[in-house]
Amino acid sequence: MQYSEGLADEIQSETVEQQLLREEVEKTLKLPALPESEKKEPGLAETIPENFAFEPHSFLKKMLHPERLNDDQKMKDIAWYEVDQLCNEVIVNLMNEQNLVSVSVPVTIVGDIHGNFHDLYRALLARTNPDMIEERTSVKVRPFARDRFIFLGDYINVGKRSIECLCLLFALKATSPHRFTLLRGSQEGPIGKHFLTSLEELTPFYANKLQKKFEEVFSWMPLAAVVGEKIFCVHGGISPHLGSLKDIDKIPRPLLDVKENILATDLIFSDPLDYEFLHVPKKEPIFEANYLRHAGVLFNEATVEEFCERTGMKLIVRSHTMIPFGYRLFANRKMITIFTSTGYKKERNHGSVMKVDKDGKITMINFLPAPLKKKKKKDENEQGNDDTNTRTTLDTQTVRTDATTMISERAI
């Protein structure tokens, strides 16, 4: 694969026509409607059936079914013992990977998800204009079935559908381990109270068991990836302790808490010194303590340029930071931050994914956040704040019309 010296200059924003998400998935997967017998109330399936045999492909089809886009579907058809076996499958695959994973093109790179199931779904189906032209001539080249994917971490946290996000990602990893790379993010460690509450909703009796199983999966996740020997992918950033990329493979695993290793901590928690007009660029490389996160370091533009020159990388791709327009360039286009989850913490931010084609050309695809909608008044006598705008969840009609609308942030 050939990369030009000006790889970062090839980054483009591209407006992609609206795509009908549900019809696309139904046509690709040809799935029947979920039978009523499979729809269970959360927490009811506590006993493992005698004839139970976990089948990853069947579980993946269930997770990809368009009906799951409805918020009321949630976890009604997911049993705790399926999740337990799914985690076992993924652990085996992760154990066979290095800390630094090599990935070839074409590839789609996805930023923070934070439990946003709709945007994870959109990221899997994001396509460029050339992709859609190919699809019209041959059904064998659908990007979802062809491309590789790198996820940069932070799959859980504030989103109410974190378990479903993990189940879908793990099912993809279990069925196609070489096409899906799941990097570790700052949220993939000891599980907090918010996620534990979701586990208790799924299974009151086995929540602690699943908590330990998820933490075991997290402990085996790789820490970084290299695309085509030229693009370095990581959740947070670089480190003063990173002499060469080979140092990443020396980090011991399993690693329950990344803060047990200083290099792993920096890779996951570090940030660029990028505070708009408050930061004055300096010519010499600088690392500073990251007091805002109480972990990792802060690094400047010169540090990024020195790292790329020393390692032969053309570009660093990271996430870890909410970006209002989905992505942001740094250090003379040698670093880009992408953030995929829209409407993060009730903000109106856009989401973004990066696609690298077989020739090394980079295209950024942005997602619109969910539309604002006025609250309906419950009673004619109720006045005041009832008519204020509130962010609503993505309903089926929104998904059909706007879910994969690709917008251009601005010319790069």
Protein backbone atom coordinates (compact mmCIF):
# COMPACT_ATOMS: atom_id res chain seq x y z
CA MET A 1 0.00 0.00 0.00
CA GLN A 2 1.35 3.39 -0.98
CA TYR A 3 1.07 6.45 1.19
CA SER A 4 2.04 9.88 -0.07
CA GLU A 5 3.98 12.27 2.12
CA GLY A 6 0.94 14.51 2.30
CA LEU A 7 -1.40 11.86 3.67
CA ALA A 8 -3.00 14.23 6.12
CA ASP A 9 -3.70 16.66 3.25
CA GLU A 10 -5.85 13.97 1.64
CA ILE A 11 -8.32 14.11 4.51
CA GLN A 12 -11.65 15.15 3.10
CA SER A 13 -15.11 15.97 4.33
CA GLU A 14 -17.78 14.50 2.11
CA THR A 15 -21.51 15.05 2.07
CA VAL A 16 -23.19 11.68 1.56
CA GLU A 17 -26.81 11.31 0.46
CA GLN A 18 -29.44 10.17 2.93
CA GLN A 19 -29.62 6.42 3.42
CA LEU A 20 -32.53 4.36 4.65
CA LEU A 21 -31.04 2.46 7.55
CA ARG A 22 -33.73 -0.06 8.34
CA GLU A 23 -34.31 -1.12 4.72
CA GLU A 24 -30.57 -1.45 4.20
CA VAL A 25 -30.11 -3.76 7.16
CA GLU A 26 -33.18 -5.84 6.33
CA LYS A 27 -31.96 -6.25 2.75
CA THR A 28 -28.45 -7.18 3.89
CA LEU A 29 -29.35 -9.56 6.69
CA LYS A 30 -32.79 -10.75 5.49
CA LEU A 31 -33.92 -11.30 9.06
CA PRO A 32 -37.42 -12.36 10.10
CA ALA A 33 -39.23 -10.52 12.84
CA LEU A 34 -38.32 -11.58 16.34
CA PRO A 35 -40.80 -14.22 17.57
CA GLU A 36 -42.85 -13.24 20.59
CA SER A 37 -41.48 -16.24 22.48
CA GLU A 38 -38.00 -14.68 22.43
CA LYS A 39 -39.13 -11.39 23.96
CA LYS A 40 -38.75 -11.65 27.72
CA GLU A 41 -38.99 -9.12 30.47
CA PRO A 42 -35.60 -8.10 31.92
CA GLY A 43 -34.35 -10.40 34.62
CA LEU A 44 -36.76 -13.29 34.03
CA ALA A 45 -34.35 -15.67 32.32
CA GLU A 46 -32.25 -16.65 35.33
CA THR A 47 -32.06 -20.41 34.81
CA ILE A 48 -29.88 -21.87 32.06
CA PRO A 49 -31.96 -24.15 29.79
CA GLU A 50 -30.83 -27.76 29.67
CA ASN A 51 -30.39 -27.68 25.89
CA PHE A 52 -28.63 -24.30 25.81
CA ALA A 53 -25.74 -24.05 23.34
CA PHE A 54 -24.39 -20.60 22.58
CA GLU A 55 -24.12 -19.74 18.87
CA PRO A 56 -22.32 -16.41 18.21
CA HIS A 57 -23.76 -15.89 14.71
CA SER A 58 -27.33 -16.30 15.90
CA PHE A 59 -26.66 -13.89 18.74
CA LEU A 60 -25.16 -11.36 16.30
CA LYS A 61 -28.25 -11.51 14.08
CA LYS A 62 -30.39 -10.83 17.11
CA MET A 63 -28.28 -7.82 18.07
CA LEU A 64 -28.36 -6.42 14.52
CA HIS A 65 -32.10 -6.79 14.04
CA PRO A 66 -33.66 -3.42 13.05
CA GLU A 67 -36.32 -3.82 15.74
CA ARG A 68 -33.59 -3.25 18.29
CA LEU A 69 -33.42 0.38 17.20
CA ASN A 70 -36.62 0.90 19.17
CA ASP A 71 -35.82 1.98 22.71
CA ASP A 72 -38.58 -0.19 24.15
CA GLN A 73 -36.81 -3.30 22.87
CA LYS A 74 -33.81 -2.88 25.19
CA MET A 75 -32.64 -6.16 26.73
CA LYS A 76 -35.86 -8.18 26.59
CA ASP A 77 -34.35 -10.91 24.42
CA ILE A 78 -30.90 -11.09 26.06
CA ALA A 79 -30.23 -13.68 28.75
CA TRP A 80 -27.39 -13.38 31.24
CA TYR A 81 -25.97 -16.80 30.33
CA GLU A 82 -25.74 -15.73 26.66
CA VAL A 83 -23.72 -12.68 27.69
CA ASP A 84 -21.53 -14.84 29.91
CA GLN A 85 -20.71 -17.24 27.08
CA LEU A 86 -20.21 -14.36 24.66
CA CYS A 87 -17.59 -12.87 26.99
CA ASN A 88 -15.79 -16.22 27.11
CA GLU A 89 -15.63 -16.30 23.30
CA VAL A 90 -14.23 -12.77 23.15
CA ILE A 91 -11.63 -13.39 25.85
CA VAL A 92 -10.17 -16.25 23.80
CA ASN A 93 -9.91 -13.99 20.75
CA LEU A 94 -8.36 -11.12 22.69
CA MET A 95 -5.77 -13.40 24.27
CA ASN A 96 -4.52 -14.21 20.77
CA GLU A 97 -3.91 -10.53 19.97
CA GLN A 98 -0.94 -8.34 20.80
CA ASN A 99 -1.22 -5.07 22.71
CA LEU A 100 -0.43 -3.33 19.42
CA VAL A 101 -2.64 -4.68 16.62
CA SER A 102 -1.69 -4.35 12.94
CA VAL A 103 -4.67 -3.63 10.68
CA SER A 104 -4.77 -3.36 6.89
CA VAL A 105 -7.07 -1.22 4.75
CA PRO A 106 -9.87 -0.58 3.98
CA VAL A 107 -10.83 0.23 7.56
CA THR A 108 -13.42 2.28 9.45
CA ILE A 109 -12.26 3.92 12.69
CA VAL A 110 -14.91 4.66 15.33
CA GLY A 111 -14.54 6.98 18.31
CA ASP A 112 -16.26 7.03 21.70
CA ILE A 113 -19.68 5.33 21.81
CA HIS A 114 -20.65 5.81 25.49
CA GLY A 115 -23.63 3.47 25.38
CA ASN A 116 -25.23 5.15 22.36
CA PHE A 117 -26.62 2.12 20.53
CA HIS A 118 -28.11 4.11 17.64
CA ASP A 119 -24.82 5.76 16.77
CA LEU A 120 -22.96 2.46 17.02
CA TYR A 121 -25.47 1.08 14.52
CA ARG A 122 -24.92 4.09 12.26
CA ALA A 123 -21.14 3.73 12.46
CA LEU A 124 -21.35 0.15 11.23
CA LEU A 125 -23.35 1.23 8.18
CA ALA A 126 -21.54 4.48 7.36
CA ARG A 127 -20.65 4.62 3.68
CA THR A 128 -18.96 7.03 1.31
CA ASN A 129 -20.15 7.86 -2.21
CA PRO A 130 -17.67 5.37 -3.78
CA ASP A 131 -19.01 2.70 -1.41
CA MET A 132 -22.56 3.27 -2.61
CA ILE A 133 -21.50 3.25 -6.26
CA GLU A 134 -19.87 -0.13 -5.70
CA GLU A 135 -22.99 -1.42 -3.98
CA ARG A 136 -25.12 -0.58 -7.01
CA THR A 137 -22.93 -2.74 -9.23
CA SER A 138 -22.23 -5.66 -6.88
CA VAL A 139 -23.93 -6.82 -3.68
CA LYS A 140 -20.71 -8.57 -2.65
CA VAL A 141 -18.89 -5.39 -1.71
CA ARG A 142 -21.08 -3.97 1.07
CA PRO A 143 -18.68 -2.16 3.44
CA PHE A 144 -20.23 -3.75 6.52
CA ALA A 145 -19.34 -7.21 5.20
CA ARG A 146 -16.01 -6.16 3.67
CA ASP A 147 -14.33 -3.48 5.75
CA ARG A 148 -12.33 -3.84 8.90
CA PHE A 149 -13.23 -1.78 11.94
CA ILE A 150 -11.19 -0.26 14.74
CA PHE A 151 -13.08 0.97 17.81
CA LEU A 152 -11.10 3.38 19.98
CA GLY A 153 -12.72 2.54 23.32
CA ASP A 154 -15.22 4.09 25.76
CA TYR A 155 -18.06 1.79 24.77
CA ILE A 156 -19.95 2.28 28.03
CA ASN A 157 -20.67 4.99 30.61
CA VAL A 158 -23.46 7.57 30.35
CA GLY A 159 -25.58 5.85 27.69
CA LYS A 160 -28.52 3.81 28.93
CA ARG A 161 -27.83 1.03 26.42
CA SER A 162 -24.23 0.26 27.35
CA ILE A 163 -24.84 -3.47 27.76
CA GLU A 164 -26.36 -3.72 24.29
CA CYS A 165 -23.39 -1.84 22.81
CA LEU A 166 -20.98 -4.28 24.41
CA CYS A 167 -23.07 -7.27 23.32
CA LEU A 168 -23.11 -6.09 19.70
CA LEU A 169 -19.39 -5.32 19.66
CA PHE A 170 -18.51 -8.59 21.36
CA ALA A 171 -20.71 -10.54 18.93
CA LEU A 172 -18.92 -8.91 16.01
CA LYS A 173 -15.57 -9.77 17.57
CA ALA A 174 -16.62 -13.36 18.27
CA THR A 175 -17.83 -13.98 14.72
CA SER A 176 -15.15 -12.00 12.82
CA PRO A 177 -12.17 -11.59 15.16
CA HIS A 178 -9.76 -10.42 12.46
CA ARG A 179 -12.07 -7.72 11.08
CA PHE A 180 -13.03 -6.04 14.35
CA THR A 181 -10.42 -4.52 16.67
CA LEU A 182 -11.69 -3.36 20.06
CA LEU A 183 -9.18 -1.05 21.75
CA ARG A 184 -9.36 -0.28 25.43
CA GLY A 185 -10.67 3.11 26.54
CA SER A 186 -10.79 4.97 29.82
CA GLN A 187 -14.17 3.40 30.71
CA GLU A 188 -13.02 -0.18 30.15
CA GLY A 189 -11.72 -0.98 33.63
CA PRO A 190 -13.20 -1.60 37.07
CA ILE A 191 -16.95 -1.19 36.55
CA GLY A 192 -18.68 1.76 38.18
CA LYS A 193 -22.07 2.03 39.83
CA HIS A 194 -23.89 3.27 36.72
CA PHE A 195 -23.04 0.21 34.63
CA LEU A 196 -23.60 -2.16 37.54
CA THR A 197 -27.16 -0.83 37.81
CA SER A 198 -27.72 -1.82 34.17
CA LEU A 199 -26.39 -5.30 34.90
CA GLU A 200 -28.81 -5.62 37.80
CA GLU A 201 -31.64 -4.71 35.43
CA LEU A 202 -30.57 -7.53 33.13
CA THR A 203 -30.11 -10.10 35.90
CA PRO A 204 -30.57 -9.27 39.59
CA PHE A 205 -29.07 -12.58 40.69
CA TYR A 206 -26.02 -12.75 38.42
CA ALA A 207 -25.03 -9.08 38.10
CA ASN A 208 -21.84 -9.52 40.12
CA LYS A 209 -20.85 -12.55 38.05
CA LEU A 210 -21.27 -10.60 34.81
CA GLN A 211 -19.46 -7.62 36.30
CA LYS A 212 -16.36 -9.74 36.88
CA LYS A 213 -16.68 -11.29 33.43
CA PHE A 214 -16.84 -7.89 31.71
CA GLU A 215 -13.85 -6.70 33.72
CA GLU A 216 -11.94 -9.77 32.59
CA VAL A 217 -12.72 -8.95 28.95
CA PHE A 218 -11.56 -5.36 29.48
CA SER A 219 -8.31 -6.58 31.04
CA TRP A 220 -7.38 -8.38 27.79
CA MET A 221 -8.23 -5.58 25.35
CA PRO A 222 -5.35 -4.27 23.19
CA LEU A 223 -4.12 -0.74 23.79
CA ALA A 224 -3.31 0.55 20.30
CA ALA A 225 -3.40 -0.29 16.60
CA VAL A 226 -1.44 0.64 13.47
CA VAL A 227 -3.22 0.91 10.12
CA GLY A 228 -1.09 0.13 7.08
CA GLU A 229 2.09 0.87 9.05
CA LYS A 230 1.29 4.60 8.81
CA ILE A 231 -1.68 5.48 11.06
CA PHE A 232 -1.37 5.10 14.83
CA CYS A 233 -4.70 4.55 16.61
CA VAL A 234 -5.08 4.93 20.37
CA HIS A 235 -7.76 6.02 22.82
CA GLY A 236 -5.95 8.85 24.61
CA GLY A 237 -2.55 9.80 23.24
CA ILE A 238 1.21 9.37 23.40
CA SER A 239 3.58 9.14 26.34
CA PRO A 240 7.09 10.21 27.40
CA HIS A 241 7.59 6.54 28.29
CA LEU A 242 6.92 5.40 24.72
CA GLY A 243 10.39 5.00 23.23
CA SER A 244 9.21 2.84 20.34
CA LEU A 245 5.99 1.14 19.35
CA LYS A 246 7.47 -2.16 20.51
CA ASP A 247 7.21 -0.89 24.08
CA ILE A 248 3.42 -1.25 23.87
CA ASP A 249 3.67 -5.00 23.38
CA LYS A 250 5.79 -5.24 26.53
CA ILE A 251 2.90 -4.10 28.75
CA PRO A 252 1.70 -7.17 30.67
CA ARG A 253 -1.83 -8.50 30.27
CA PRO A 254 -4.34 -9.16 31.69
CA LEU A 255 -4.35 -5.68 33.21
CA LEU A 256 -7.42 -5.16 35.38
CA ASP A 257 -6.66 -1.49 36.07
CA VAL A 258 -4.54 0.34 33.49
CA LYS A 259 -3.30 2.71 36.20
CA GLU A 260 -1.12 -0.16 37.39
CA ASN A 261 1.12 0.54 34.37
CA ILE A 262 2.34 4.07 33.63
CA LEU A 263 2.65 3.60 29.84
CA ALA A 264 -0.82 2.05 29.60
CA THR A 265 -2.18 4.93 31.67
CA ASP A 266 -0.68 7.51 29.33
CA LEU A 267 -1.94 5.74 26.19
CA ILE A 268 -5.50 5.74 27.51
CA PHE A 269 -5.82 8.96 29.55
CA SER A 270 -3.54 11.51 27.81
CA ASP A 271 -4.76 14.57 25.88
CA PRO A 272 -3.28 17.12 23.46
CA LEU A 273 -2.61 20.65 24.69
CA ASP A 274 -5.40 22.04 22.56
CA TYR A 275 -7.27 24.85 24.28
CA GLU A 276 -8.05 27.11 21.32
CA PHE A 277 -6.56 30.57 21.93
CA LEU A 278 -5.34 29.77 25.44
CA HIS A 279 -2.49 27.62 24.17
CA VAL A 280 0.62 29.09 22.55
CA PRO A 281 2.43 26.52 20.36
CA LYS A 282 6.06 25.88 21.23
CA LYS A 283 8.79 24.43 19.07
CA GLU A 284 10.17 21.98 21.62
CA PRO A 285 8.28 18.81 22.64
CA ILE A 286 6.47 19.23 25.96
CA PHE A 287 4.75 16.79 28.31
CA GLU A 288 2.76 18.13 31.27
CA ALA A 289 0.77 16.53 34.07
CA ASN A 290 -2.88 15.99 33.15
CA TYR A 291 -4.48 17.52 36.23
CA LEU A 292 -7.98 17.58 34.75
CA ARG A 293 -8.16 13.80 34.47
CA HIS A 294 -5.77 13.01 37.34
CA ALA A 295 -4.09 10.50 35.01
CA GLY A 296 -2.00 10.54 31.86
CA VAL A 297 -0.19 13.55 30.41
CA LEU A 298 -0.76 16.58 28.20
CA PHE A 299 1.39 16.93 25.05
CA ASN A 300 1.90 19.71 22.51
CA GLU A 301 2.14 19.87 18.71
CA ALA A 302 5.92 19.48 18.66
CA THR A 303 5.59 16.25 20.63
CA VAL A 304 3.20 14.83 18.03
CA GLU A 305 5.48 15.80 15.15
CA GLU A 306 8.51 14.31 16.91
CA PHE A 307 6.62 11.06 17.57
CA CYS A 308 5.53 10.74 13.94
CA GLU A 309 9.04 11.40 12.65
CA ARG A 310 10.59 8.92 15.09
CA THR A 311 8.09 6.11 14.46
CA GLY A 312 7.38 6.66 10.77
CA MET A 313 3.71 7.39 11.38
CA LYS A 314 1.86 9.85 9.14
CA LEU A 315 -1.14 10.36 11.40
CA ILE A 316 -2.35 9.73 14.97
CA VAL A 317 -6.05 8.98 15.44
CA ARG A 318 -7.48 9.29 18.95
CA SER A 319 -10.82 9.82 20.72
CA HIS A 320 -11.30 10.41 24.48
CA THR A 321 -12.60 13.99 24.02
CA MET A 322 -16.05 15.23 23.00
CA ILE A 323 -15.73 17.33 19.84
CA PRO A 324 -18.72 19.56 18.94
CA PHE A 325 -18.44 18.86 15.20
CA GLY A 326 -17.39 15.22 15.49
CA TYR A 327 -13.68 15.58 14.74
CA ARG A 328 -10.81 18.03 15.15
CA LEU A 329 -7.33 18.31 13.66
CA PHE A 330 -4.19 19.07 15.65
CA ALA A 331 -0.44 19.45 15.12
CA ASN A 332 -0.38 20.40 11.43
CA ARG A 333 -2.86 17.64 10.58
CA LYS A 334 -0.72 14.93 12.09
CA MET A 335 -3.33 14.16 14.75
CA ILE A 336 -7.10 13.95 14.60
CA THR A 337 -9.59 13.45 17.44
CA ILE A 338 -12.86 11.74 16.52
CA PHE A 339 -15.95 11.34 18.69
CA THR A 340 -18.82 9.18 17.45
CA SER A 341 -21.60 9.49 20.04
CA THR A 342 -24.03 12.33 19.26
CA GLY A 343 -25.94 14.25 21.90
CA TYR A 344 -23.34 13.42 24.54
CA LYS A 345 -24.56 14.44 28.02
CA LYS A 346 -27.47 16.34 26.40
CA GLU A 347 -25.12 18.40 24.24
CA ARG A 348 -25.96 18.99 20.57
CA ASN A 349 -22.65 17.62 19.31
CA HIS A 350 -22.27 15.78 16.02
CA GLY A 351 -20.65 12.37 15.76
CA SER A 352 -17.97 11.24 13.33
CA VAL A 353 -16.22 8.17 11.96
CA MET A 354 -13.15 7.91 9.75
CA LYS A 355 -12.95 5.71 6.67
CA VAL A 356 -9.60 4.81 5.10
CA ASP A 357 -9.95 3.24 1.65
CA LYS A 358 -7.70 0.71 -0.02
CA ASP A 359 -5.49 3.50 -1.41
CA GLY A 360 -5.01 5.24 1.94
CA LYS A 361 -7.46 8.06 1.16
CA ILE A 362 -9.22 9.32 4.29
CA THR A 363 -12.85 10.45 4.43
CA MET A 364 -14.62 11.81 7.50
CA ILE A 365 -18.32 10.99 7.82
CA ASN A 366 -20.38 12.99 10.31
CA PHE A 367 -23.69 12.14 12.01
CA LEU A 368 -26.42 14.56 12.98
CA PRO A 369 -27.62 14.51 16.58
CA ALA A 370 -31.20 13.55 17.36
CA PRO A 371 -33.70 16.32 16.59
CA LEU A 372 -35.22 18.48 19.27
CA LYS A 373 -38.92 18.07 19.89
CA LYS A 374 -41.35 19.95 22.08
CA LYS A 375 -42.85 18.20 25.05
CA LYS A 376 -46.58 17.60 24.80
CA LYS A 377 -48.67 19.14 27.54
CA LYS A 378 -50.31 16.55 29.75
CA ASP A 379 -53.10 18.91 30.80
CA GLU A 380 -54.43 22.17 29.47
CA ASN A 381 -53.93 23.70 32.90
CA GLU A 382 -50.23 22.78 32.96
CA GLN A 383 -48.22 25.76 31.77
CA GLY A 384 -44.70 27.06 32.15
CA ASN A 385 -41.84 24.69 31.36
CA ASP A 386 -43.91 22.03 29.58
CA ASP A 387 -43.28 23.56 26.17
CA THR A 388 -39.50 23.75 26.51
CA ASN A 389 -37.36 21.86 24.02
CA THR A 390 -35.97 18.55 25.21
CA ARG A 391 -33.70 16.07 23.47
CA THR A 392 -35.62 12.96 22.44
CA THR A 393 -34.42 9.49 21.61
CA LEU A 394 -34.02 8.41 18.01
CA ASP A 395 -37.33 6.82 17.01
CA THR A 396 -37.78 4.50 14.05
CA GLN A 397 -38.96 7.23 11.66
CA THR A 398 -35.94 9.37 12.52
CA VAL A 399 -33.64 6.44 11.83
CA ARG A 400 -35.32 5.87 8.47
CA THR A 401 -34.84 9.46 7.34
CA ASP A 402 -31.96 11.03 9.25
CA ALA A 403 -29.97 8.30 11.00
CA THR A 404 -27.27 8.01 8.36
CA THR A 405 -27.40 11.53 6.95
CA MET A 406 -23.79 12.47 6.40
CA ILE A 407 -22.92 16.13 6.76
CA SER A 408 -19.79 18.13 6.04
CA GLU A 409 -18.39 20.06 8.98
CA ARG A 410 -16.28 22.41 6.90
CA ALA A 411 -13.49 22.37 4.34
CA ILE A 412 -10.25 21.09 5.83
